[in-house]
Amino acid sequence: MSHVTVYARYKEPAERLIKRFSRKVKKEGILEEIRDRRFYKKPSTVRRHKKLRRKKVAQKLAVQQRNK
């Protein structure tokens, strides 16, 4: 895990600071990693899910290429 730091800019509203922080956290994938680590998953299950995800992404890209 990595630490995300956001420093307030001159006269920056708190809402914008929070929004920048949220974007950084989302970009780093911290919440997703926390959700994944919440419960133990067998290594074989993790590999199977990665393989299925790669297959779905490849199919999606192939469809996009055909539609261009």
Protein backbone atom coordinates (compact mmCIF):
# COMPACT_ATOMS: atom_id res chain seq x y z
CA MET A 1 0.00 0.00 0.00
CA SER A 2 1.08 3.52 -0.62
CA HIS A 3 0.32 6.67 1.28
CA VAL A 4 -1.51 9.46 -0.47
CA THR A 5 -0.77 13.01 0.57
CA VAL A 6 -2.54 16.11 -0.64
CA TYR A 7 -1.42 19.57 0.35
CA ALA A 8 -3.81 22.52 0.34
CA ARG A 9 -3.13 25.15 -2.28
CA TYR A 10 -3.42 28.84 -1.55
CA LYS A 11 -7.05 29.72 -0.72
CA GLU A 12 -8.29 26.32 -1.90
CA PRO A 13 -11.70 25.29 -0.56
CA ALA A 14 -11.85 22.14 1.56
CA GLU A 15 -14.29 20.49 -0.84
CA ARG A 16 -11.82 20.71 -3.71
CA LEU A 17 -9.04 19.37 -1.50
CA ILE A 18 -11.19 16.39 -0.56
CA LYS A 19 -12.06 15.81 -4.20
CA ARG A 20 -8.36 15.80 -5.19
CA PHE A 21 -7.64 13.36 -2.37
CA SER A 22 -10.47 11.07 -3.50
CA ARG A 23 -9.20 11.10 -7.08
CA LYS A 24 -5.68 10.21 -5.97
CA VAL A 25 -6.93 7.37 -3.80
CA LYS A 26 -9.01 6.03 -6.69
CA LYS A 27 -6.11 6.33 -9.13
CA GLU A 28 -3.77 4.46 -6.77
CA GLY A 29 -6.35 1.69 -6.40
CA ILE A 30 -6.19 1.71 -2.61
CA LEU A 31 -9.89 1.04 -1.99
CA GLU A 32 -9.93 -1.75 -4.55
CA GLU A 33 -6.93 -3.37 -2.89
CA ILE A 34 -8.59 -3.13 0.53
CA ARG A 35 -11.71 -4.81 -0.83
CA ASP A 36 -9.60 -7.57 -2.39
CA ARG A 37 -7.67 -8.20 0.83
CA ARG A 38 -10.75 -8.21 3.04
CA PHE A 39 -11.18 -11.98 2.72
CA TYR A 40 -8.66 -14.69 1.92
CA LYS A 41 -8.71 -16.03 -1.61
CA LYS A 42 -6.97 -19.18 -2.68
CA PRO A 43 -4.13 -18.56 -5.17
CA SER A 44 -5.88 -20.76 -7.76
CA THR A 45 -9.01 -18.60 -7.46
CA VAL A 46 -6.98 -15.42 -7.90
CA ARG A 47 -5.31 -16.84 -11.01
CA ARG A 48 -8.66 -17.93 -12.45
CA HIS A 49 -10.18 -14.47 -11.92
CA LYS A 50 -7.17 -12.77 -13.51
CA LYS A 51 -7.41 -15.07 -16.51
CA LEU A 52 -11.15 -14.36 -16.93
CA ARG A 53 -10.56 -10.61 -16.57
CA ARG A 54 -7.85 -10.70 -19.27
CA LYS A 55 -10.21 -12.63 -21.55
CA LYS A 56 -13.02 -10.10 -21.06
CA VAL A 57 -10.70 -7.14 -21.72
CA ALA A 58 -9.36 -8.80 -24.89
CA GLN A 59 -12.90 -9.42 -26.14
CA LYS A 60 -13.90 -5.84 -25.41
CA LEU A 61 -10.88 -4.48 -27.27
CA ALA A 62 -11.60 -6.78 -30.22
CA VAL A 63 -15.17 -5.49 -30.43
CA GLN A 64 -13.94 -1.89 -30.27
CA GLN A 65 -11.43 -2.56 -33.07
CA ARG A 66 -14.16 -4.09 -35.27
CA ASN A 67 -16.47 -1.11 -34.71
CA LYS A 68 -13.91 1.48 -35.83
